[in-house]
Amino acid sequence: MFLSFIFENFFKFGFSVNRIPVVGGGLELLIVEKDSDAWAKGLRAGDILLEANGAPITGFEDLTRLKLGLGPGDGVTFLCERDGEQFTVEVELIEA
């Protein structure tokens, strides 16, 4: 059974993630809101978030902790992976 978790506050990032980490680390994007900065910067469902602001993303809690000190308009730099290629993108948080 496929389990995912969409946490309403994560729409501040403009995306939702699978709560279960991928093998090897990181979190898979499930949904990217089309009106978000994340979408405008090229993030898409299926991308893997590996790091946020230089810190490894090992679980859902890492994004939760990161978001606590941030608000709308703040930027977060993500190291991501798509089709085996890594790239970075800075995403501005949006109002929930």
N, C-alpha and C. Protein backbone atom coordinates (compact mmCIF):
# COMPACT_ATOMS: atom_id res chain seq x y z
N MET A 1 0.84 -1.18 0.00
CA MET A 1 0.00 0.00 0.00
C MET A 1 0.89 1.24 0.00
N PHE A 2 0.58 2.17 -0.87
CA PHE A 2 1.34 3.41 -0.97
C PHE A 2 0.83 4.38 0.08
N LEU A 3 1.72 4.85 0.93
CA LEU A 3 1.34 5.80 1.97
C LEU A 3 1.97 7.15 1.68
N SER A 4 1.20 8.17 1.77
CA SER A 4 1.73 9.52 1.62
C SER A 4 1.07 10.40 2.66
N PHE A 5 1.68 11.54 2.89
CA PHE A 5 1.17 12.45 3.89
C PHE A 5 1.27 13.86 3.35
N ILE A 6 0.16 14.53 3.27
CA ILE A 6 0.16 15.92 2.84
C ILE A 6 -0.14 16.76 4.06
N PHE A 7 0.79 17.58 4.42
CA PHE A 7 0.70 18.42 5.61
C PHE A 7 0.35 19.82 5.14
N GLU A 8 -0.81 20.34 5.57
CA GLU A 8 -1.31 21.58 4.98
C GLU A 8 -0.32 22.73 5.03
N ASN A 9 0.51 22.81 6.05
CA ASN A 9 1.47 23.90 6.12
C ASN A 9 2.55 23.79 5.05
N PHE A 10 2.73 22.62 4.45
CA PHE A 10 3.74 22.50 3.41
C PHE A 10 3.34 23.19 2.14
N PHE A 11 2.12 23.63 2.05
CA PHE A 11 1.77 24.43 0.89
C PHE A 11 2.44 25.79 0.98
N LYS A 12 3.03 26.11 2.13
CA LYS A 12 3.87 27.31 2.20
C LYS A 12 5.09 27.15 1.30
N PHE A 13 5.54 25.90 1.12
CA PHE A 13 6.62 25.64 0.17
C PHE A 13 6.08 25.55 -1.25
N GLY A 14 4.78 25.32 -1.38
CA GLY A 14 4.18 25.15 -2.69
C GLY A 14 4.23 23.72 -3.18
N PHE A 15 4.51 22.78 -2.28
CA PHE A 15 4.53 21.37 -2.67
C PHE A 15 4.18 20.50 -1.47
N SER A 16 3.85 19.25 -1.76
CA SER A 16 3.69 18.25 -0.72
C SER A 16 4.62 17.09 -1.04
N VAL A 17 5.01 16.37 0.00
CA VAL A 17 5.99 15.30 -0.14
C VAL A 17 5.45 13.99 0.42
N ASN A 18 6.04 12.89 -0.05
CA ASN A 18 5.77 11.59 0.54
C ASN A 18 6.47 11.58 1.89
N ARG A 19 5.76 11.22 2.92
CA ARG A 19 6.34 11.22 4.26
C ARG A 19 7.42 10.16 4.45
N ILE A 20 7.37 9.11 3.66
CA ILE A 20 8.34 8.03 3.76
C ILE A 20 9.57 8.38 2.90
N PRO A 21 10.77 8.47 3.51
CA PRO A 21 11.97 8.81 2.73
C PRO A 21 12.26 7.77 1.65
N VAL A 22 12.87 8.21 0.57
CA VAL A 22 13.30 7.29 -0.48
C VAL A 22 14.55 6.55 -0.01
N VAL A 23 14.81 5.41 -0.59
CA VAL A 23 16.01 4.65 -0.26
C VAL A 23 17.22 5.51 -0.61
N GLY A 24 18.14 5.66 0.32
CA GLY A 24 19.32 6.48 0.12
C GLY A 24 19.17 7.90 0.63
N GLY A 25 17.96 8.28 1.07
CA GLY A 25 17.74 9.59 1.64
C GLY A 25 16.98 10.52 0.72
N GLY A 26 16.32 11.47 1.32
CA GLY A 26 15.54 12.45 0.59
C GLY A 26 14.06 12.15 0.61
N LEU A 27 13.28 13.12 0.16
CA LEU A 27 11.83 13.00 0.11
C LEU A 27 11.34 13.28 -1.30
N GLU A 28 10.40 12.46 -1.75
CA GLU A 28 9.85 12.61 -3.10
C GLU A 28 8.70 13.62 -3.10
N LEU A 29 8.72 14.52 -4.07
CA LEU A 29 7.61 15.46 -4.24
C LEU A 29 6.43 14.71 -4.84
N LEU A 30 5.26 14.89 -4.22
CA LEU A 30 4.04 14.27 -4.73
C LEU A 30 3.23 15.25 -5.57
N ILE A 31 3.14 16.48 -5.09
CA ILE A 31 2.37 17.52 -5.76
C ILE A 31 3.17 18.82 -5.70
N VAL A 32 3.19 19.55 -6.80
CA VAL A 32 3.77 20.89 -6.82
C VAL A 32 2.66 21.82 -7.29
N GLU A 33 2.31 22.79 -6.46
CA GLU A 33 1.23 23.72 -6.79
C GLU A 33 1.63 24.60 -7.97
N LYS A 34 0.78 24.66 -8.98
CA LYS A 34 1.12 25.39 -10.21
C LYS A 34 1.23 26.89 -10.01
N ASP A 35 0.66 27.43 -8.95
CA ASP A 35 0.77 28.87 -8.70
C ASP A 35 1.88 29.21 -7.70
N SER A 36 2.77 28.25 -7.44
CA SER A 36 3.83 28.45 -6.44
C SER A 36 5.15 28.81 -7.11
N ASP A 37 6.06 29.36 -6.30
CA ASP A 37 7.41 29.63 -6.75
C ASP A 37 8.13 28.32 -7.06
N ALA A 38 7.81 27.26 -6.32
CA ALA A 38 8.43 25.95 -6.57
C ALA A 38 8.15 25.50 -8.01
N TRP A 39 6.91 25.68 -8.47
CA TRP A 39 6.55 25.33 -9.85
C TRP A 39 7.29 26.23 -10.84
N ALA A 40 7.27 27.54 -10.55
CA ALA A 40 7.92 28.51 -11.44
C ALA A 40 9.42 28.22 -11.57
N LYS A 41 10.04 27.70 -10.51
CA LYS A 41 11.47 27.39 -10.54
C LYS A 41 11.76 26.01 -11.13
N GLY A 42 10.71 25.28 -11.52
CA GLY A 42 10.91 24.03 -12.23
C GLY A 42 10.75 22.75 -11.45
N LEU A 43 10.38 22.82 -10.15
CA LEU A 43 10.17 21.59 -9.40
C LEU A 43 8.90 20.92 -9.90
N ARG A 44 8.94 19.57 -9.95
CA ARG A 44 7.81 18.78 -10.44
C ARG A 44 7.63 17.55 -9.57
N ALA A 45 6.42 17.01 -9.59
CA ALA A 45 6.14 15.76 -8.88
C ALA A 45 7.14 14.71 -9.36
N GLY A 46 7.65 13.93 -8.41
CA GLY A 46 8.65 12.91 -8.72
C GLY A 46 10.07 13.34 -8.41
N ASP A 47 10.33 14.66 -8.34
CA ASP A 47 11.65 15.14 -7.95
C ASP A 47 11.93 14.70 -6.51
N ILE A 48 13.19 14.51 -6.19
CA ILE A 48 13.61 14.12 -4.84
C ILE A 48 14.34 15.29 -4.20
N LEU A 49 13.90 15.69 -3.01
CA LEU A 49 14.58 16.73 -2.23
C LEU A 49 15.66 16.03 -1.41
N LEU A 50 16.92 16.38 -1.64
CA LEU A 50 18.05 15.76 -0.94
C LEU A 50 18.56 16.61 0.22
N GLU A 51 18.60 17.94 0.02
CA GLU A 51 19.10 18.87 1.04
C GLU A 51 18.25 20.12 1.04
N ALA A 52 18.20 20.77 2.20
CA ALA A 52 17.56 22.07 2.34
C ALA A 52 18.52 22.99 3.06
N ASN A 53 18.90 24.09 2.40
CA ASN A 53 19.87 25.04 2.95
C ASN A 53 21.15 24.34 3.40
N GLY A 54 21.59 23.35 2.62
CA GLY A 54 22.85 22.66 2.89
C GLY A 54 22.77 21.51 3.87
N ALA A 55 21.61 21.29 4.49
CA ALA A 55 21.47 20.20 5.46
C ALA A 55 20.73 19.03 4.81
N PRO A 56 21.21 17.80 5.02
CA PRO A 56 20.55 16.64 4.43
C PRO A 56 19.09 16.51 4.89
N ILE A 57 18.24 16.08 3.99
CA ILE A 57 16.85 15.78 4.33
C ILE A 57 16.77 14.28 4.50
N THR A 58 16.65 13.86 5.75
CA THR A 58 16.60 12.43 6.05
C THR A 58 15.19 11.97 6.37
N GLY A 59 14.29 12.92 6.60
CA GLY A 59 12.91 12.57 6.91
C GLY A 59 12.02 13.80 6.88
N PHE A 60 10.75 13.55 6.98
CA PHE A 60 9.73 14.59 6.94
C PHE A 60 9.97 15.66 8.01
N GLU A 61 10.48 15.23 9.15
CA GLU A 61 10.70 16.14 10.27
C GLU A 61 11.71 17.23 9.94
N ASP A 62 12.66 16.94 9.05
CA ASP A 62 13.65 17.95 8.67
C ASP A 62 12.98 19.15 8.02
N LEU A 63 12.00 18.93 7.16
CA LEU A 63 11.28 20.04 6.54
C LEU A 63 10.42 20.78 7.56
N THR A 64 9.83 20.04 8.47
CA THR A 64 9.01 20.65 9.51
C THR A 64 9.84 21.60 10.36
N ARG A 65 11.02 21.14 10.80
CA ARG A 65 11.90 21.98 11.62
C ARG A 65 12.38 23.20 10.85
N LEU A 66 12.74 23.03 9.60
CA LEU A 66 13.21 24.13 8.78
C LEU A 66 12.14 25.21 8.66
N LYS A 67 10.93 24.81 8.44
CA LYS A 67 9.84 25.75 8.21
C LYS A 67 9.50 26.56 9.45
N LEU A 68 9.78 26.04 10.63
CA LEU A 68 9.42 26.73 11.87
C LEU A 68 10.02 28.12 11.97
N GLY A 69 11.23 28.29 11.46
CA GLY A 69 11.89 29.58 11.56
C GLY A 69 11.71 30.48 10.34
N LEU A 70 10.83 30.09 9.43
CA LEU A 70 10.67 30.83 8.19
C LEU A 70 9.23 31.30 8.01
N GLY A 71 9.07 32.26 7.12
CA GLY A 71 7.74 32.75 6.80
C GLY A 71 7.62 33.06 5.32
N PRO A 72 6.43 33.48 4.90
CA PRO A 72 6.22 33.81 3.49
C PRO A 72 7.25 34.83 3.00
N GLY A 73 7.80 34.59 1.83
CA GLY A 73 8.80 35.47 1.25
C GLY A 73 10.23 35.02 1.52
N ASP A 74 10.44 34.18 2.55
CA ASP A 74 11.77 33.64 2.82
C ASP A 74 12.13 32.61 1.77
N GLY A 75 13.42 32.49 1.46
CA GLY A 75 13.87 31.53 0.48
C GLY A 75 14.57 30.35 1.11
N VAL A 76 14.42 29.18 0.48
CA VAL A 76 15.09 27.95 0.89
C VAL A 76 15.77 27.38 -0.35
N THR A 77 17.04 27.01 -0.21
CA THR A 77 17.76 26.40 -1.33
C THR A 77 17.72 24.89 -1.16
N PHE A 78 17.18 24.23 -2.17
CA PHE A 78 17.06 22.78 -2.16
C PHE A 78 18.03 22.17 -3.16
N LEU A 79 18.69 21.10 -2.73
CA LEU A 79 19.43 20.24 -3.65
C LEU A 79 18.45 19.12 -4.01
N CYS A 80 18.20 18.95 -5.30
CA CYS A 80 17.19 18.01 -5.77
C CYS A 80 17.79 17.03 -6.76
N GLU A 81 17.04 15.98 -7.02
CA GLU A 81 17.44 15.00 -8.02
C GLU A 81 16.25 14.66 -8.90
N ARG A 82 16.51 14.59 -10.21
CA ARG A 82 15.50 14.17 -11.19
C ARG A 82 16.22 13.33 -12.24
N ASP A 83 15.72 12.14 -12.44
CA ASP A 83 16.29 11.24 -13.46
C ASP A 83 17.80 11.06 -13.29
N GLY A 84 18.26 10.97 -12.03
CA GLY A 84 19.67 10.73 -11.74
C GLY A 84 20.55 11.96 -11.79
N GLU A 85 20.00 13.10 -12.17
CA GLU A 85 20.77 14.36 -12.24
C GLU A 85 20.42 15.25 -11.05
N GLN A 86 21.43 15.82 -10.42
CA GLN A 86 21.20 16.73 -9.29
C GLN A 86 21.20 18.18 -9.77
N PHE A 87 20.39 18.99 -9.10
CA PHE A 87 20.31 20.42 -9.39
C PHE A 87 19.87 21.15 -8.14
N THR A 88 20.16 22.44 -8.07
CA THR A 88 19.72 23.25 -6.95
C THR A 88 18.68 24.25 -7.42
N VAL A 89 17.81 24.60 -6.50
CA VAL A 89 16.77 25.57 -6.79
C VAL A 89 16.44 26.31 -5.49
N GLU A 90 16.28 27.63 -5.59
CA GLU A 90 15.86 28.39 -4.42
C GLU A 90 14.37 28.67 -4.56
N VAL A 91 13.62 28.27 -3.54
CA VAL A 91 12.17 28.40 -3.54
C VAL A 91 11.74 29.40 -2.47
N GLU A 92 10.91 30.33 -2.86
CA GLU A 92 10.35 31.30 -1.93
C GLU A 92 9.06 30.74 -1.34
N LEU A 93 8.94 30.83 -0.02
CA LEU A 93 7.74 30.33 0.63
C LEU A 93 6.56 31.25 0.30
N ILE A 94 5.36 30.63 0.24
CA ILE A 94 4.14 31.37 -0.08
C ILE A 94 3.13 31.25 1.06
N GLU A 95 2.15 32.12 1.05
CA GLU A 95 1.09 32.06 2.06
C GLU A 95 0.33 30.75 1.93
N ALA A 96 -0.02 30.17 3.06
CA ALA A 96 -0.80 28.93 3.05
C ALA A 96 -2.25 29.22 2.72
